[in-house]
Protein backbone atom coordinates (compact mmCIF):
# COMPACT_ATOMS: atom_id res chain seq x y z
CA MET A 1 15.01 11.28 6.21
CA LYS A 2 11.48 12.74 7.07
CA TYR A 3 7.84 12.59 4.61
CA GLU A 4 4.69 13.39 3.55
CA ILE A 5 1.92 11.94 1.80
CA GLN A 6 -1.02 14.12 0.24
CA GLY A 7 -3.51 14.25 -2.35
CA GLY A 8 -5.94 11.86 -1.51
CA ASN A 9 -6.79 9.54 -4.20
CA LEU A 10 -4.07 10.85 -6.64
CA PRO A 11 -1.36 11.26 -3.78
CA VAL A 12 2.19 12.47 -3.89
CA VAL A 13 4.81 11.63 -0.64
CA ILE A 14 6.94 14.54 -0.37
CA CYS A 15 10.73 13.41 0.96
CA LYS A 16 12.92 15.32 3.09
CA LEU A 17 16.34 14.65 3.36
CA ASP A 18 19.38 15.60 5.74
CA SER A 19 22.18 16.64 3.77
CA GLY A 20 24.01 13.19 2.40
CA GLU A 21 20.63 10.90 2.75
CA GLN A 22 20.05 9.68 -0.33
CA LEU A 23 16.15 7.86 -2.19
CA VAL A 24 15.83 4.83 -4.23
CA THR A 25 13.64 5.99 -7.14
CA GLU A 26 11.66 3.88 -10.39
CA GLY A 27 12.89 5.48 -13.30
CA GLY A 28 10.48 8.16 -13.50
CA ALA A 29 8.90 8.82 -10.09
CA MET A 30 10.64 11.49 -10.03
CA SER A 31 7.40 14.94 -10.22
CA TRP A 32 9.85 17.41 -8.24
CA MET A 33 12.57 18.47 -6.71
CA SER A 34 15.19 20.69 -4.80
CA PRO A 35 18.64 21.66 -7.01
CA ASN A 36 20.52 20.02 -4.68
CA MET A 37 19.62 17.15 -5.35
CA LYS A 38 22.71 14.80 -7.58
CA MET A 39 20.20 11.99 -9.38
CA GLU A 40 22.45 8.70 -10.41
CA THR A 41 21.16 6.25 -13.09
CA SER A 42 22.23 3.31 -12.23
CA GLY A 43 20.84 -1.14 -13.27
CA GLY A 44 22.46 -2.39 -10.45
CA GLY A 45 23.66 -6.04 -12.39
CA VAL A 46 22.20 -7.68 -16.00
CA GLY A 47 20.01 -9.42 -13.56
CA LYS A 48 18.44 -7.78 -11.76
CA MET A 49 17.64 -5.64 -15.09
CA PHE A 50 15.98 -8.55 -16.18
CA GLY A 51 13.96 -9.62 -13.29
CA ARG A 52 12.53 -5.49 -13.03
CA ALA A 53 11.27 -5.17 -16.37
CA PHE A 54 9.86 -9.07 -16.08
CA SER A 55 8.28 -6.95 -12.90
CA GLY A 56 7.48 -4.36 -14.79
CA GLU A 57 9.20 -1.98 -13.86
CA ASN A 58 12.07 0.59 -15.61
CA ILE A 59 14.99 -1.76 -16.44
CA PHE A 60 17.30 1.02 -14.45
CA GLN A 61 16.58 3.79 -11.42
CA ASN A 62 17.64 6.73 -10.25
CA ILE A 63 19.01 6.89 -6.64
CA TYR A 64 18.77 10.98 -5.12
CA THR A 65 21.59 12.37 -2.87
CA ALA A 66 20.85 15.34 -1.49
CA GLN A 67 23.94 17.49 -1.54
CA GLY A 68 25.39 20.67 0.92
CA GLY A 69 22.62 20.51 2.52
CA GLU A 70 18.42 19.14 3.04
CA GLY A 71 17.02 17.58 0.21
CA LEU A 72 13.58 17.77 -1.40
CA LEU A 73 12.18 14.79 -3.46
CA ALA A 74 8.39 14.55 -4.73
CA MET A 75 7.13 11.53 -6.31
CA ALA A 76 2.92 11.11 -7.28
CA SER A 77 1.21 8.52 -8.06
CA SER A 78 1.15 7.83 -11.56
CA PHE A 79 -2.47 6.04 -11.03
CA PRO A 80 -6.22 7.27 -8.83
CA GLY A 81 -5.37 4.86 -5.61
CA SER A 82 -3.40 5.75 -2.36
CA ILE A 83 1.02 6.17 -1.76
CA GLN A 84 1.93 3.96 1.31
CA ALA A 85 5.20 3.41 2.94
CA PHE A 86 6.37 0.37 5.02
CA GLU A 87 9.63 -0.46 7.65
CA ILE A 88 11.23 -2.66 5.95
CA THR A 89 13.30 -4.95 7.82
CA PRO A 90 14.54 -9.09 7.89
CA SER A 91 11.82 -9.89 10.02
CA ASN A 92 8.85 -7.57 7.54
CA THR A 93 9.75 -9.00 4.21
CA MET A 94 7.18 -7.54 1.62
CA ILE A 95 5.90 -8.90 -1.88
CA LEU A 96 3.29 -6.58 -4.18
CA GLN A 97 2.74 -6.35 -7.38
CA LYS A 98 3.66 -5.45 -9.92
CA SER A 99 4.51 -1.75 -10.42
CA ALA A 100 3.24 -1.34 -7.70
CA PHE A 101 7.40 0.20 -5.62
CA LEU A 102 8.06 3.79 -6.20
CA ALA A 103 10.87 4.49 -3.82
CA SER A 104 12.99 3.03 -0.65
CA GLU A 105 15.90 3.69 1.24
CA LYS A 106 19.23 2.46 -0.17
CA GLY A 107 18.54 -0.66 2.00
CA VAL A 108 15.61 -2.72 0.29
CA SER A 109 16.14 -4.35 -2.26
CA LEU A 110 13.72 -5.23 -4.68
CA GLU A 111 13.56 -8.21 -7.24
CA VAL A 112 11.34 -10.20 -8.95
CA PHE A 113 8.50 -12.86 -7.01
CA PHE A 114 7.24 -15.55 -9.48
CA ARG A 115 4.30 -17.60 -8.25
CA LYS A 116 5.07 -21.34 -7.51
CA ASN A 117 2.51 -22.55 -10.03
CA LEU A 118 4.41 -22.06 -13.16
CA GLY A 119 1.23 -23.82 -15.58
CA ALA A 120 -1.71 -21.24 -14.09
CA GLY A 121 0.74 -18.46 -14.12
CA LEU A 122 1.41 -18.43 -17.23
CA PHE A 123 -2.46 -18.48 -17.47
CA GLY A 124 -3.10 -16.64 -14.73
CA GLY A 125 -3.23 -13.07 -16.15
CA GLU A 126 -1.38 -9.28 -14.18
CA GLY A 127 -1.13 -11.45 -10.09
CA PHE A 128 1.56 -13.97 -11.64
CA ILE A 129 4.61 -11.79 -12.19
CA MET A 130 5.66 -10.35 -8.81
CA GLN A 131 7.48 -7.57 -6.82
CA LYS A 132 9.66 -8.93 -2.94
CA VAL A 133 11.45 -5.56 -1.39
CA SER A 134 13.78 -7.33 1.06
CA GLY A 135 16.33 -5.99 3.08
CA SER A 136 16.15 -2.59 6.27
CA GLY A 137 14.66 0.60 5.18
CA LEU A 138 11.39 3.10 4.68
CA CYS A 139 10.22 1.98 1.09
CA PHE A 140 7.30 3.65 -1.00
CA VAL A 141 5.03 1.61 -2.42
CA GLU A 142 1.45 3.15 -4.46
CA PHE A 143 -1.85 0.56 -4.76
CA ASP A 144 -4.36 1.38 -7.24
CA GLY A 145 -7.93 2.80 -6.46
CA HIS A 146 -9.39 2.44 -2.40
CA VAL A 147 -7.53 -0.69 -0.50
CA VAL A 148 -8.76 -2.64 1.52
CA GLU A 149 -6.32 -5.02 4.03
CA TYR A 150 -6.93 -8.17 6.16
CA ASP A 151 -5.06 -10.06 9.22
CA LEU A 152 -4.44 -13.82 8.14
CA GLU A 153 -4.36 -16.52 10.60
CA ARG A 154 -1.68 -19.48 9.84
CA GLY A 155 -4.21 -21.86 7.71
CA GLN A 156 -6.73 -19.43 7.59
CA GLN A 157 -7.69 -18.36 3.25
CA MET A 158 -8.69 -15.75 0.98
CA VAL A 159 -9.73 -16.42 -2.32
CA ILE A 160 -9.24 -13.23 -4.32
CA ASP A 161 -9.79 -11.55 -7.81
CA THR A 162 -6.59 -11.96 -10.36
CA GLY A 163 -5.53 -8.28 -9.74
CA ASN A 164 -7.00 -7.76 -6.25
CA LEU A 165 -4.21 -8.48 -4.03
CA ALA A 166 -1.34 -5.12 -3.70
CA ALA A 167 0.23 -6.69 -1.01
CA MET A 168 1.83 -9.51 0.99
CA SER A 169 3.42 -10.55 4.43
CA ALA A 170 5.37 -12.69 2.81
CA THR A 171 5.11 -15.20 5.03
CA CYS A 172 1.37 -15.60 3.37
CA THR A 173 1.61 -18.13 0.54
CA MET A 174 -0.12 -17.51 -2.87
CA GLU A 175 -1.28 -19.38 -5.55
CA ILE A 176 -3.91 -19.54 -8.22
CA LYS A 177 -6.07 -22.13 -8.81
CA THR A 178 -9.27 -23.02 -11.84
CA VAL A 179 -12.86 -21.46 -11.50
CA ALA A 180 -14.44 -24.72 -11.03
CA GLY A 181 -16.63 -26.12 -12.92
CA ILE A 182 -16.69 -25.36 -17.18
CA LYS A 183 -19.81 -23.87 -17.00
CA ASN A 184 -18.47 -20.93 -14.78
CA LYS A 185 -15.28 -20.50 -16.73
CA LEU A 186 -17.04 -19.84 -19.52
CA PHE A 187 -20.20 -18.03 -17.81
CA GLY A 188 -19.72 -16.50 -15.08
CA GLY A 189 -17.70 -12.97 -15.20
CA GLU A 190 -15.15 -13.88 -13.34
CA GLY A 191 -12.82 -15.56 -15.48
CA PHE A 192 -11.02 -19.10 -15.40
CA PHE A 193 -8.52 -18.70 -12.16
CA ASN A 194 -8.27 -17.25 -8.99
CA THR A 195 -5.41 -16.43 -6.74
CA VAL A 196 -5.67 -17.66 -3.23
CA VAL A 197 -3.34 -16.32 -0.09
CA THR A 198 -3.28 -18.33 2.61
CA GLY A 199 -1.72 -17.32 6.26
CA PRO A 200 -0.52 -16.35 8.76
CA GLY A 201 -0.36 -12.87 7.80
CA HIS A 202 -0.83 -9.51 6.71
CA ILE A 203 -2.55 -8.73 3.29
CA TRP A 204 -4.17 -5.45 1.25
CA LEU A 205 -6.42 -5.83 -1.29
CA GLN A 206 -7.31 -2.59 -3.53
CA THR A 207 -10.40 -2.10 -5.23
CA MET A 208 -9.01 -0.64 -8.81
CA PRO A 209 -6.56 -2.37 -10.77
CA ALA A 210 -4.47 -0.60 -13.50
CA PHE A 211 -5.25 -3.42 -15.65
CA GLY A 212 -8.87 -4.45 -15.45
CA MET A 213 -10.25 0.15 -15.28
CA ALA A 214 -8.46 -0.51 -18.89
CA GLN A 215 -10.13 -3.72 -20.28
CA ALA A 216 -13.75 -1.40 -19.15
CA LEU A 217 -12.74 1.80 -20.93
CA ALA A 218 -11.70 -0.42 -23.76
CA GLY A 219 -15.08 -1.59 -24.43
CA PHE A 220 -15.83 2.66 -24.51
CA MET A 221 -13.39 3.72 -26.96
CA PRO A 222 -13.39 4.15 -30.32
CA THR A 223 -11.64 1.75 -33.01
CA GLY A 224 -9.59 2.94 -36.30
CA LYS A 225 -11.67 2.18 -39.75
């Protein structure tokens, strides 16, 4: 399979598949395609469907197959930001923000990923439930806003506001910690919780989480009377 990412901060990934090649996409991800692409909708079992619903994805996924020659399939991002391609291998498993998964080759597995601290996670907001991609194959991921990357050494930490963690290597560990001090919690404007990621591994941080932008715009929306 060949692919090209176009569009700057309003990106689209255009994939060209050889005859018989398949691509698994999030439901509703297709923007345009050649007429020889056959689509089949699959739930993949009750457990997987439940996990996808929990992680913010569509319950069903679509499997596209190129038939009788080269096929074309294009998928646009749902929010201003970027689309990135990752080669997933048994030694390169990734943890993604929920709803980040866009598409992948069929050898890639998608499942729900929970943070260890369930109590804090329930109050920690958007970042509590994430996605885990494993297996083997190419995976396309969409991030919100601009992305900044860091390599963390073993034991090195980064404190991240909820929602700004876009992805990390599965070798990293993370936990949700409360902001210290009652005055800081109530008047600091940063919320009650932060995410602490510990290396070794790579992290991808996004500057404009979709839910954060929605919260910022909510104050400017007219209210019904």
